[in-house]
């Protein structure tokens, strides 16, 4: 099968700021794709967009667990590039929840009668 032609195609990458997403973004950009770079860390996504060149990239702050944020990301992608051809869901480690606080244990005192 011949390679999928990417010049002029638009790819939305979720988890773009993570290792796999970042590497794929670089490879897809080098092959001519327009990229919508979505991730929870807006600063990291913006940095990647600047590194690749802002002419064919669109940094987006979005969490894949937020349906409204994803819908907005798709709408902004289509507004910017006029199309959306591929969605690439790169794994991004989940946010770490703060550790639970220790359970409240009632203070017990033991008394013995002798």
PDB file of N, CA and C in Angstrom:
ATOM      1  N   UNK A   1       0.848  -1.173   0.000  1.00  0.00           N
ATOM      2  CA  UNK A   1       0.000   0.000   0.000  1.00  0.00           C
ATOM      3  C   UNK A   1       0.890   1.231   0.000  1.00  0.00           C
ATOM      4  N   UNK A   2       0.614   2.182  -0.881  1.00  0.00           N
ATOM      5  CA  UNK A   2       1.427   3.401  -0.907  1.00  0.00           C
ATOM      6  C   UNK A   2       1.177   4.242   0.336  1.00  0.00           C
ATOM      7  N   UNK A   3       2.155   5.043   0.723  1.00  0.00           N
ATOM      8  CA  UNK A   3       1.974   5.905   1.897  1.00  0.00           C
ATOM      9  C   UNK A   3       0.806   6.869   1.699  1.00  0.00           C
ATOM     10  N   UNK A   4       0.145   7.161   2.795  1.00  0.00           N
ATOM     11  CA  UNK A   4      -0.967   8.119   2.786  1.00  0.00           C
ATOM     12  C   UNK A   4      -0.395   9.514   2.521  1.00  0.00           C
ATOM     13  N   UNK A   5      -0.847  10.188   1.469  1.00  0.00           N
ATOM     14  CA  UNK A   5      -0.305  11.522   1.175  1.00  0.00           C
ATOM     15  C   UNK A   5      -0.780  12.541   2.217  1.00  0.00           C
ATOM     16  N   UNK A   6       0.139  13.268   2.804  1.00  0.00           N
ATOM     17  CA  UNK A   6      -0.198  14.209   3.868  1.00  0.00           C
ATOM     18  C   UNK A   6      -0.189  15.685   3.484  1.00  0.00           C
ATOM     19  N   UNK A   7       0.508  16.105   2.442  1.00  0.00           N
ATOM     20  CA  UNK A   7       0.462  17.536   2.133  1.00  0.00           C
ATOM     21  C   UNK A   7      -0.980  18.017   1.931  1.00  0.00           C
ATOM     22  N   UNK A   8      -1.336  19.068   2.671  1.00  0.00           N
ATOM     23  CA  UNK A   8      -2.684  19.620   2.585  1.00  0.00           C
ATOM     24  C   UNK A   8      -3.712  18.940   3.464  1.00  0.00           C
ATOM     25  N   UNK A   9      -3.361  17.817   4.092  1.00  0.00           N
ATOM     26  CA  UNK A   9      -4.291  17.134   5.001  1.00  0.00           C
ATOM     27  C   UNK A   9      -4.158  17.747   6.387  1.00  0.00           C
ATOM     28  N   UNK A  10      -5.240  17.639   7.166  1.00  0.00           N
ATOM     29  CA  UNK A  10      -5.234  18.168   8.529  1.00  0.00           C
ATOM     30  C   UNK A  10      -5.380  17.029   9.520  1.00  0.00           C
ATOM     31  N   UNK A  11      -4.479  17.020  10.505  1.00  0.00           N
ATOM     32  CA  UNK A  11      -4.460  15.985  11.533  1.00  0.00           C
ATOM     33  C   UNK A  11      -4.640  16.648  12.892  1.00  0.00           C
ATOM     34  N   UNK A  12      -5.597  16.165  13.660  1.00  0.00           N
ATOM     35  CA  UNK A  12      -5.787  16.591  15.054  1.00  0.00           C
ATOM     36  C   UNK A  12      -5.126  15.542  15.931  1.00  0.00           C
ATOM     37  N   UNK A  13      -4.160  15.955  16.730  1.00  0.00           N
ATOM     38  CA  UNK A  13      -3.443  15.045  17.621  1.00  0.00           C
ATOM     39  C   UNK A  13      -3.815  15.380  19.057  1.00  0.00           C
ATOM     40  N   UNK A  14      -4.428  14.432  19.753  1.00  0.00           N
ATOM     41  CA  UNK A  14      -4.664  14.620  21.180  1.00  0.00           C
ATOM     42  C   UNK A  14      -3.447  14.058  21.916  1.00  0.00           C
ATOM     43  N   UNK A  15      -3.158  14.620  23.067  1.00  0.00           N
ATOM     44  CA  UNK A  15      -1.952  14.212  23.785  1.00  0.00           C
ATOM     45  C   UNK A  15      -0.694  14.678  23.081  1.00  0.00           C
ATOM     46  N   UNK A  16      -0.797  15.778  22.342  1.00  0.00           N
ATOM     47  CA  UNK A  16       0.311  16.243  21.509  1.00  0.00           C
ATOM     48  C   UNK A  16       1.526  16.687  22.311  1.00  0.00           C
ATOM     49  N   UNK A  17       1.348  17.051  23.560  1.00  0.00           N
ATOM     50  CA  UNK A  17       2.479  17.526  24.351  1.00  0.00           C
ATOM     51  C   UNK A  17       3.279  16.376  24.948  1.00  0.00           C
ATOM     52  N   UNK A  18       2.714  15.157  24.940  1.00  0.00           N
ATOM     53  CA  UNK A  18       3.417  13.998  25.484  1.00  0.00           C
ATOM     54  C   UNK A  18       4.454  13.470  24.519  1.00  0.00           C
ATOM     55  N   UNK A  19       5.231  12.516  24.949  1.00  0.00           N
ATOM     56  CA  UNK A  19       6.327  11.987  24.145  1.00  0.00           C
ATOM     57  C   UNK A  19       5.896  11.413  22.807  1.00  0.00           C
ATOM     58  N   UNK A  20       4.903  10.526  22.805  1.00  0.00           N
ATOM     59  CA  UNK A  20       4.447   9.912  21.565  1.00  0.00           C
ATOM     60  C   UNK A  20       3.774  10.954  20.678  1.00  0.00           C
ATOM     61  N   UNK A  21       2.905  11.772  21.261  1.00  0.00           N
ATOM     62  CA  UNK A  21       2.218  12.801  20.485  1.00  0.00           C
ATOM     63  C   UNK A  21       3.172  13.791  19.858  1.00  0.00           C
ATOM     64  N   UNK A  22       4.175  14.199  20.613  1.00  0.00           N
ATOM     65  CA  UNK A  22       5.180  15.158  20.125  1.00  0.00           C
ATOM     66  C   UNK A  22       5.976  14.547  18.968  1.00  0.00           C
ATOM     67  N   UNK A  23       6.400  13.303  19.122  1.00  0.00           N
ATOM     68  CA  UNK A  23       7.177  12.639  18.066  1.00  0.00           C
ATOM     69  C   UNK A  23       6.336  12.471  16.799  1.00  0.00           C
ATOM     70  N   UNK A  24       5.092  12.082  16.963  1.00  0.00           N
ATOM     71  CA  UNK A  24       4.210  11.926  15.797  1.00  0.00           C
ATOM     72  C   UNK A  24       3.940  13.269  15.140  1.00  0.00           C
ATOM     73  N   UNK A  25       3.771  14.308  15.942  1.00  0.00           N
ATOM     74  CA  UNK A  25       3.539  15.641  15.385  1.00  0.00           C
ATOM     75  C   UNK A  25       4.718  16.063  14.519  1.00  0.00           C
ATOM     76  N   UNK A  26       5.910  15.828  15.006  1.00  0.00           N
ATOM     77  CA  UNK A  26       7.106  16.197  14.228  1.00  0.00           C
ATOM     78  C   UNK A  26       7.157  15.422  12.913  1.00  0.00           C
ATOM     79  N   UNK A  27       6.863  14.122  12.971  1.00  0.00           N
ATOM     80  CA  UNK A  27       6.916  13.295  11.761  1.00  0.00           C
ATOM     81  C   UNK A  27       5.828  13.698  10.766  1.00  0.00           C
ATOM     82  N   UNK A  28       4.619  13.929  11.249  1.00  0.00           N
ATOM     83  CA  UNK A  28       3.514  14.312  10.363  1.00  0.00           C
ATOM     84  C   UNK A  28       3.747  15.696   9.756  1.00  0.00           C
ATOM     85  N   UNK A  29       4.276  16.606  10.545  1.00  0.00           N
ATOM     86  CA  UNK A  29       4.580  17.948  10.043  1.00  0.00           C
ATOM     87  C   UNK A  29       5.656  17.876   8.959  1.00  0.00           C
ATOM     88  N   UNK A  30       6.671  17.054   9.174  1.00  0.00           N
ATOM     89  CA  UNK A  30       7.747  16.902   8.188  1.00  0.00           C
ATOM     90  C   UNK A  30       7.212  16.349   6.862  1.00  0.00           C
ATOM     91  N   UNK A  31       6.099  15.591   6.927  1.00  0.00           N
ATOM     92  CA  UNK A  31       5.501  15.036   5.708  1.00  0.00           C
ATOM     93  C   UNK A  31       4.457  15.962   5.095  1.00  0.00           C
ATOM     94  N   UNK A  32       4.307  17.177   5.657  1.00  0.00           N
ATOM     95  CA  UNK A  32       3.466  18.180   5.018  1.00  0.00           C
ATOM     96  C   UNK A  32       2.079  18.386   5.580  1.00  0.00           C
ATOM     97  N   UNK A  33       1.736  17.724   6.679  1.00  0.00           N
ATOM     98  CA  UNK A  33       0.391  17.861   7.240  1.00  0.00           C
ATOM     99  C   UNK A  33       0.224  19.178   7.996  1.00  0.00           C
ATOM    100  N   UNK A  34      -1.015  19.666   8.017  1.00  0.00           N
ATOM    101  CA  UNK A  34      -1.413  20.740   8.923  1.00  0.00           C
ATOM    102  C   UNK A  34      -1.778  20.045  10.231  1.00  0.00           C
ATOM    103  N   UNK A  35      -1.386  20.628  11.354  1.00  0.00           N
ATOM    104  CA  UNK A  35      -1.590  19.963  12.636  1.00  0.00           C
ATOM    105  C   UNK A  35      -2.368  20.815  13.623  1.00  0.00           C
ATOM    106  N   UNK A  36      -3.390  20.218  14.216  1.00  0.00           N
ATOM    107  CA  UNK A  36      -4.061  20.783  15.380  1.00  0.00           C
ATOM    108  C   UNK A  36      -3.504  19.999  16.564  1.00  0.00           C
ATOM    109  N   UNK A  37      -2.787  20.684  17.419  1.00  0.00           N
ATOM    110  CA  UNK A  37      -2.082  20.051  18.532  1.00  0.00           C
ATOM    111  C   UNK A  37      -2.870  20.265  19.818  1.00  0.00           C
ATOM    112  N   UNK A  38      -3.517  19.223  20.298  1.00  0.00           N
ATOM    113  CA  UNK A  38      -4.347  19.337  21.496  1.00  0.00           C
ATOM    114  C   UNK A  38      -3.686  18.652  22.680  1.00  0.00           C
ATOM    115  N   UNK A  39      -3.792  19.298  23.822  1.00  0.00           N
ATOM    116  CA  UNK A  39      -3.253  18.721  25.049  1.00  0.00           C
ATOM    117  C   UNK A  39      -3.720  19.506  26.256  1.00  0.00           C
ATOM    118  N   UNK A  40      -3.579  18.883  27.417  1.00  0.00           N
ATOM    119  CA  UNK A  40      -3.999  19.541  28.660  1.00  0.00           C
ATOM    120  C   UNK A  40      -3.062  20.678  29.046  1.00  0.00           C
ATOM    121  N   UNK A  41      -1.787  20.546  28.691  1.00  0.00           N
ATOM    122  CA  UNK A  41      -0.798  21.559  29.063  1.00  0.00           C
ATOM    123  C   UNK A  41      -0.657  22.565  27.921  1.00  0.00           C
ATOM    124  N   UNK A  42      -1.392  23.662  28.028  1.00  0.00           N
ATOM    125  CA  UNK A  42      -1.433  24.666  26.960  1.00  0.00           C
ATOM    126  C   UNK A  42      -0.045  25.206  26.635  1.00  0.00           C
ATOM    127  N   UNK A  43       0.787  25.390  27.627  1.00  0.00           N
ATOM    128  CA  UNK A  43       2.123  25.933  27.413  1.00  0.00           C
ATOM    129  C   UNK A  43       2.978  24.981  26.574  1.00  0.00           C
ATOM    130  N   UNK A  44       2.937  23.698  26.883  1.00  0.00           N
ATOM    131  CA  UNK A  44       3.735  22.716  26.147  1.00  0.00           C
ATOM    132  C   UNK A  44       3.260  22.589  24.706  1.00  0.00           C
ATOM    133  N   UNK A  45       1.947  22.629  24.513  1.00  0.00           N
ATOM    134  CA  UNK A  45       1.392  22.532  23.156  1.00  0.00           C
ATOM    135  C   UNK A  45       1.781  23.777  22.346  1.00  0.00           C
ATOM    136  N   UNK A  46       1.721  24.942  22.970  1.00  0.00           N
ATOM    137  CA  UNK A  46       2.101  26.187  22.284  1.00  0.00           C
ATOM    138  C   UNK A  46       3.580  26.184  21.921  1.00  0.00           C
ATOM    139  N   UNK A  47       4.411  25.658  22.811  1.00  0.00           N
ATOM    140  CA  UNK A  47       5.850  25.568  22.539  1.00  0.00           C
ATOM    141  C   UNK A  47       6.106  24.666  21.335  1.00  0.00           C
ATOM    142  N   UNK A  48       5.432  23.524  21.288  1.00  0.00           N
ATOM    143  CA  UNK A  48       5.589  22.611  20.159  1.00  0.00           C
ATOM    144  C   UNK A  48       5.144  23.281  18.856  1.00  0.00           C
ATOM    145  N   UNK A  49       4.030  24.001  18.903  1.00  0.00           N
ATOM    146  CA  UNK A  49       3.531  24.692  17.706  1.00  0.00           C
ATOM    147  C   UNK A  49       4.565  25.706  17.200  1.00  0.00           C
ATOM    148  N   UNK A  50       5.195  26.436  18.126  1.00  0.00           N
ATOM    149  CA  UNK A  50       6.228  27.404  17.730  1.00  0.00           C
ATOM    150  C   UNK A  50       7.437  26.690  17.128  1.00  0.00           C
ATOM    151  N   UNK A  51       7.833  25.567  17.730  1.00  0.00           N
ATOM    152  CA  UNK A  51       8.982  24.809  17.222  1.00  0.00           C
ATOM    153  C   UNK A  51       8.735  24.323  15.793  1.00  0.00           C
ATOM    154  N   UNK A  52       7.521  23.878  15.514  1.00  0.00           N
ATOM    155  CA  UNK A  52       7.197  23.337  14.193  1.00  0.00           C
ATOM    156  C   UNK A  52       6.933  24.436  13.174  1.00  0.00           C
ATOM    157  N   UNK A  53       6.530  25.577  13.654  1.00  0.00           N
ATOM    158  CA  UNK A  53       6.183  26.678  12.759  1.00  0.00           C
ATOM    159  C   UNK A  53       4.691  26.901  12.797  1.00  0.00           C
ATOM    160  N   UNK A  54       4.302  28.081  13.143  1.00  0.00           N
ATOM    161  CA  UNK A  54       2.892  28.374  13.382  1.00  0.00           C
ATOM    162  C   UNK A  54       2.040  28.422  12.124  1.00  0.00           C
ATOM    163  N   UNK A  55       2.665  28.399  10.932  1.00  0.00           N
ATOM    164  CA  UNK A  55       1.899  28.448   9.696  1.00  0.00           C
ATOM    165  C   UNK A  55       1.014  27.233   9.470  1.00  0.00           C
ATOM    166  N   UNK A  56       1.480  26.058   9.892  1.00  0.00           N
ATOM    167  CA  UNK A  56       0.711  24.831   9.689  1.00  0.00           C
ATOM    168  C   UNK A  56       0.332  24.154  10.983  1.00  0.00           C
ATOM    169  N   UNK A  57       0.368  24.893  12.085  1.00  0.00           N
ATOM    170  CA  UNK A  57      -0.008  24.305  13.372  1.00  0.00           C
ATOM    171  C   UNK A  57      -1.024  25.174  14.092  1.00  0.00           C
ATOM    172  N   UNK A  58      -1.818  24.526  14.924  1.00  0.00           N
ATOM    173  CA  UNK A  58      -2.797  25.213  15.753  1.00  0.00           C
ATOM    174  C   UNK A  58      -2.731  24.598  17.146  1.00  0.00           C
ATOM    175  N   UNK A  59      -2.213  25.335  18.134  1.00  0.00           N
ATOM    176  CA  UNK A  59      -2.177  24.799  19.494  1.00  0.00           C
ATOM    177  C   UNK A  59      -3.558  24.908  20.145  1.00  0.00           C
ATOM    178  N   UNK A  60      -3.980  23.845  20.796  1.00  0.00           N
ATOM    179  CA  UNK A  60      -5.295  23.806  21.445  1.00  0.00           C
ATOM    180  C   UNK A  60      -5.163  23.228  22.847  1.00  0.00           C
ATOM    181  N   UNK A  61      -5.764  23.889  23.797  1.00  0.00           N
ATOM    182  CA  UNK A  61      -5.817  23.357  25.148  1.00  0.00           C
ATOM    183  C   UNK A  61      -7.100  22.546  25.273  1.00  0.00           C
ATOM    184  N   UNK A  62      -6.956  21.238  25.444  1.00  0.00           N
ATOM    185  CA  UNK A  62      -8.140  20.374  25.527  1.00  0.00           C
ATOM    186  C   UNK A  62      -7.802  19.107  26.292  1.00  0.00           C
ATOM    187  N   UNK A  63      -8.752  18.650  27.058  1.00  0.00           N
ATOM    188  CA  UNK A  63      -8.644  17.405  27.807  1.00  0.00           C
ATOM    189  C   UNK A  63      -9.609  16.419  27.152  1.00  0.00           C
ATOM    190  N   UNK A  64      -9.129  15.246  26.791  1.00  0.00           N
ATOM    191  CA  UNK A  64      -9.983  14.286  26.081  1.00  0.00           C
ATOM    192  C   UNK A  64     -11.151  13.783  26.914  1.00  0.00           C
ATOM    193  N   UNK A  65     -11.117  14.012  28.205  1.00  0.00           N
ATOM    194  CA  UNK A  65     -12.248  13.595  29.036  1.00  0.00           C
ATOM    195  C   UNK A  65     -13.354  14.648  29.065  1.00  0.00           C
ATOM    196  N   UNK A  66     -13.132  15.771  28.407  1.00  0.00           N
ATOM    197  CA  UNK A  66     -14.099  16.870  28.374  1.00  0.00           C
ATOM    198  C   UNK A  66     -14.695  16.963  26.962  1.00  0.00           C
ATOM    199  N   UNK A  67     -15.903  16.436  26.796  1.00  0.00           N
ATOM    200  CA  UNK A  67     -16.545  16.380  25.475  1.00  0.00           C
ATOM    201  C   UNK A  67     -16.667  17.766  24.845  1.00  0.00           C
ATOM    202  N   UNK A  68     -17.057  18.764  25.612  1.00  0.00           N
ATOM    203  CA  UNK A  68     -17.212  20.116  25.074  1.00  0.00           C
ATOM    204  C   UNK A  68     -15.873  20.666  24.580  1.00  0.00           C
ATOM    205  N   UNK A  69     -14.796  20.382  25.306  1.00  0.00           N
ATOM    206  CA  UNK A  69     -13.473  20.848  24.895  1.00  0.00           C
ATOM    207  C   UNK A  69     -13.059  20.185  23.581  1.00  0.00           C
ATOM    208  N   UNK A  70     -13.383  18.918  23.409  1.00  0.00           N
ATOM    209  CA  UNK A  70     -13.052  18.229  22.153  1.00  0.00           C
ATOM    210  C   UNK A  70     -13.873  18.771  20.990  1.00  0.00           C
ATOM    211  N   UNK A  71     -15.146  19.036  21.238  1.00  0.00           N
ATOM    212  CA  UNK A  71     -15.982  19.613  20.184  1.00  0.00           C
ATOM    213  C   UNK A  71     -15.442  20.981  19.764  1.00  0.00           C
ATOM    214  N   UNK A  72     -15.014  21.762  20.730  1.00  0.00           N
ATOM    215  CA  UNK A  72     -14.417  23.069  20.439  1.00  0.00           C
ATOM    216  C   UNK A  72     -13.116  22.908  19.657  1.00  0.00           C
ATOM    217  N   UNK A  73     -12.310  21.916  20.026  1.00  0.00           N
ATOM    218  CA  UNK A  73     -11.056  21.675  19.317  1.00  0.00           C
ATOM    219  C   UNK A  73     -11.314  21.320  17.853  1.00  0.00           C
ATOM    220  N   UNK A  74     -12.308  20.484  17.601  1.00  0.00           N
ATOM    221  CA  UNK A  74     -12.650  20.118  16.226  1.00  0.00           C
ATOM    222  C   UNK A  74     -13.142  21.350  15.460  1.00  0.00           C
ATOM    223  N   UNK A  75     -14.015  22.129  16.084  1.00  0.00           N
ATOM    224  CA  UNK A  75     -14.555  23.328  15.425  1.00  0.00           C
ATOM    225  C   UNK A  75     -13.440  24.315  15.097  1.00  0.00           C
ATOM    226  N   UNK A  76     -12.524  24.534  16.027  1.00  0.00           N
ATOM    227  CA  UNK A  76     -11.419  25.468  15.781  1.00  0.00           C
ATOM    228  C   UNK A  76     -10.490  24.949  14.696  1.00  0.00           C
ATOM    229  N   UNK A  77     -10.295  23.628  14.661  1.00  0.00           N
ATOM    230  CA  UNK A  77      -9.452  23.026  13.626  1.00  0.00           C
ATOM    231  C   UNK A  77     -10.042  23.261  12.245  1.00  0.00           C
ATOM    232  N   UNK A  78     -11.338  22.986  12.104  1.00  0.00           N
ATOM    233  CA  UNK A  78     -12.002  23.171  10.810  1.00  0.00           C
ATOM    234  C   UNK A  78     -12.043  24.649  10.439  1.00  0.00           C
ATOM    235  N   UNK A  79     -12.269  25.514  11.422  1.00  0.00           N
ATOM    236  CA  UNK A  79     -12.255  26.959  11.139  1.00  0.00           C
ATOM    237  C   UNK A  79     -10.894  27.397  10.602  1.00  0.00           C
ATOM    238  N   UNK A  80      -9.836  26.882  11.191  1.00  0.00           N
ATOM    239  CA  UNK A  80      -8.477  27.306  10.814  1.00  0.00           C
ATOM    240  C   UNK A  80      -8.031  26.708   9.483  1.00  0.00           C
ATOM    241  N   UNK A  81      -8.248  25.397   9.312  1.00  0.00           N
ATOM    242  CA  UNK A  81      -7.693  24.708   8.151  1.00  0.00           C
ATOM    243  C   UNK A  81      -8.733  24.316   7.097  1.00  0.00           C
ATOM    244  N   UNK A  82     -10.014  24.490   7.410  1.00  0.00           N
ATOM    245  CA  UNK A  82     -11.058  24.185   6.440  1.00  0.00           C
ATOM    246  C   UNK A  82     -11.434  22.726   6.326  1.00  0.00           C
ATOM    247  N   UNK A  83     -10.782  21.882   7.104  1.00  0.00           N
ATOM    248  CA  UNK A  83     -11.054  20.447   7.021  1.00  0.00           C
ATOM    249  C   UNK A  83     -10.416  19.731   8.203  1.00  0.00           C
ATOM    250  N   UNK A  84     -10.834  18.496   8.411  1.00  0.00           N
ATOM    251  CA  UNK A  84     -10.206  17.607   9.382  1.00  0.00           C
ATOM    252  C   UNK A  84     -10.204  16.222   8.753  1.00  0.00           C
ATOM    253  N   UNK A  85      -9.015  15.702   8.473  1.00  0.00           N
ATOM    254  CA  UNK A  85      -8.886  14.433   7.769  1.00  0.00           C
ATOM    255  C   UNK A  85      -8.569  13.255   8.682  1.00  0.00           C
ATOM    256  N   UNK A  86      -7.788  13.500   9.721  1.00  0.00           N
ATOM    257  CA  UNK A  86      -7.315  12.416  10.579  1.00  0.00           C
ATOM    258  C   UNK A  86      -7.335  12.889  12.028  1.00  0.00           C
ATOM    259  N   UNK A  87      -7.759  12.004  12.922  1.00  0.00           N
ATOM    260  CA  UNK A  87      -7.623  12.256  14.357  1.00  0.00           C
ATOM    261  C   UNK A  87      -6.692  11.182  14.896  1.00  0.00           C
ATOM    262  N   UNK A  88      -5.647  11.620  15.572  1.00  0.00           N
ATOM    263  CA  UNK A  88      -4.659  10.705  16.146  1.00  0.00           C
ATOM    264  C   UNK A  88      -4.700  10.882  17.657  1.00  0.00           C
ATOM    265  N   UNK A  89      -5.113   9.838  18.351  1.00  0.00           N
ATOM    266  CA  UNK A  89      -5.200   9.887  19.810  1.00  0.00           C
ATOM    267  C   UNK A  89      -3.920   9.308  20.399  1.00  0.00           C
ATOM    268  N   UNK A  90      -3.012  10.177  20.765  1.00  0.00           N
ATOM    269  CA  UNK A  90      -1.757   9.739  21.378  1.00  0.00           C
ATOM    270  C   UNK A  90      -1.985   9.544  22.872  1.00  0.00           C
ATOM    271  N   UNK A  91      -1.441   8.486  23.422  1.00  0.00           N
ATOM    272  CA  UNK A  91      -1.613   8.283  24.853  1.00  0.00           C
ATOM    273  C   UNK A  91      -0.917   9.377  25.642  1.00  0.00           C
ATOM    274  N   UNK A  92      -1.581   9.836  26.651  1.00  0.00           N
ATOM    275  CA  UNK A  92      -1.043  10.869  27.522  1.00  0.00           C
ATOM    276  C   UNK A  92      -1.333  10.395  28.940  1.00  0.00           C
ATOM    277  N   UNK A  93      -0.318  10.307  29.787  1.00  0.00           N
ATOM    278  CA  UNK A  93      -0.582   9.808  31.137  1.00  0.00           C
ATOM    279  C   UNK A  93      -1.670  10.620  31.824  1.00  0.00           C
ATOM    280  N   UNK A  94      -2.537   9.951  32.576  1.00  0.00           N
ATOM    281  CA  UNK A  94      -3.587  10.695  33.272  1.00  0.00           C
ATOM    282  C   UNK A  94      -2.996  11.626  34.317  1.00  0.00           C
ATOM    283  N   UNK A  95      -3.766  12.657  34.614  1.00  0.00           N
ATOM    284  CA  UNK A  95      -3.326  13.565  35.678  1.00  0.00           C
ATOM    285  C   UNK A  95      -3.265  12.800  36.983  1.00  0.00           C
ATOM    286  N   UNK A  96      -2.313  13.145  37.750  1.00  0.00           N
ATOM    287  CA  UNK A  96      -2.209  12.511  39.067  1.00  0.00           C
ATOM    288  C   UNK A  96      -3.155  13.210  40.032  1.00  0.00           C
ATOM    289  N   UNK A  97      -3.972  12.417  40.643  1.00  0.00           N
ATOM    290  CA  UNK A  97      -4.871  12.961  41.658  1.00  0.00           C
ATOM    291  C   UNK A  97      -4.071  13.150  42.941  1.00  0.00           C
ATOM    292  N   UNK A  98      -4.431  14.131  43.736  1.00  0.00           N
ATOM    293  CA  UNK A  98      -3.719  14.288  45.000  1.00  0.00           C
ATOM    294  C   UNK A  98      -3.955  13.054  45.868  1.00  0.00           C
ATOM    295  N   UNK A  99      -2.966  12.692  46.661  1.00  0.00           N
ATOM    296  CA  UNK A  99      -3.153  11.504  47.496  1.00  0.00           C
ATOM    297  C   UNK A  99      -4.303  11.731  48.473  1.00  0.00           C
ATOM    298  N   UNK A 100      -5.028  10.671  48.744  1.00  0.00           N
ATOM    299  CA  UNK A 100      -6.135  10.841  49.677  1.00  0.00           C
ATOM    300  C   UNK A 100      -5.604  11.179  51.063  1.00  0.00           C
ATOM    301  N   UNK A 101      -6.392  11.934  51.789  1.00  0.00           N
ATOM    302  CA  UNK A 101      -5.974  12.248  53.152  1.00  0.00           C
ATOM    303  C   UNK A 101      -6.205  11.008  54.014  1.00  0.00           C
ATOM    304  N   UNK A 102      -5.416  10.856  55.051  1.00  0.00           N
ATOM    305  CA  UNK A 102      -5.590   9.668  55.895  1.00  0.00           C
ATOM    306  C   UNK A 102      -7.011   9.641  56.457  1.00  0.00           C
ATOM    307  N   UNK A 103      -7.549   8.452  56.574  1.00  0.00           N
ATOM    308  CA  UNK A 103      -8.914   8.379  57.095  1.00  0.00           C
ATOM    309  C   UNK A 103      -8.963   8.901  58.524  1.00  0.00           C
ATOM    310  N   UNK A 104     -10.074   9.455  58.823  1.00  0.00           N
ATOM    311  CA  UNK A 104     -10.262   9.954  60.178  1.00  0.00           C
ATOM    312  C   UNK A 104     -10.564   8.761  61.076  1.00  0.00           C
ATOM    313  N   UNK A 105      -9.669   8.531  61.970  1.00  0.00           N
ATOM    314  CA  UNK A 105      -9.837   7.394  62.881  1.00  0.00           C
ATOM    315  C   UNK A 105     -10.131   7.945  64.256  1.00  0.00           C
ATOM    316  N   UNK A 106     -11.250   7.530  64.799  1.00  0.00           N
ATOM    317  CA  UNK A 106     -11.557   8.024  66.141  1.00  0.00           C
ATOM    318  C   UNK A 106     -10.473   7.605  67.126  1.00  0.00           C
ATOM    319  N   UNK A 107     -10.173   8.531  67.974  1.00  0.00           N
ATOM    320  CA  UNK A 107      -9.165   8.238  68.977  1.00  0.00           C
ATOM    321  C   UNK A 107      -9.783   7.336  70.022  1.00  0.00           C
ATOM    322  N   UNK A 108      -9.143   6.230  70.261  1.00  0.00           N
ATOM    323  CA  UNK A 108      -9.654   5.256  71.236  1.00  0.00           C
ATOM    324  C   UNK A 108      -8.639   5.175  72.373  1.00  0.00           C
ATOM    325  N   UNK A 109      -9.145   5.089  73.523  1.00  0.00           N
ATOM    326  CA  UNK A 109      -8.230   4.853  74.642  1.00  0.00           C
ATOM    327  C   UNK A 109      -8.708   3.597  75.343  1.00  0.00           C
ATOM    328  N   UNK A 110      -7.769   2.857  75.769  1.00  0.00           N
ATOM    329  CA  UNK A 110      -8.077   1.604  76.414  1.00  0.00           C
ATOM    330  C   UNK A 110      -7.866   1.780  77.908  1.00  0.00           C
ATOM    331  N   UNK A 111      -8.841   1.395  78.650  1.00  0.00           N
ATOM    332  CA  UNK A 111      -8.681   1.435  80.108  1.00  0.00           C
ATOM    333  C   UNK A 111      -8.893   0.027  80.621  1.00  0.00           C
ATOM    334  N   UNK A 112      -8.099  -0.305  81.507  1.00  0.00           N
ATOM    335  CA  UNK A 112      -8.289  -1.622  82.121  1.00  0.00           C
ATOM    336  C   UNK A 112      -8.444  -1.439  83.612  1.00  0.00           C
ATOM    337  N   UNK A 113      -9.285  -2.230  84.145  1.00  0.00           N
ATOM    338  CA  UNK A 113      -9.474  -2.171  85.585  1.00  0.00           C
ATOM    339  C   UNK A 113      -8.830  -3.385  86.190  1.00  0.00           C
ATOM    340  N   UNK A 114      -8.053  -3.148  87.146  1.00  0.00           N
ATOM    341  CA  UNK A 114      -7.359  -4.248  87.811  1.00  0.00           C
ATOM    342  C   UNK A 114      -7.769  -4.355  89.203  1.00  0.00           C
TER     343      UNK A 114
END
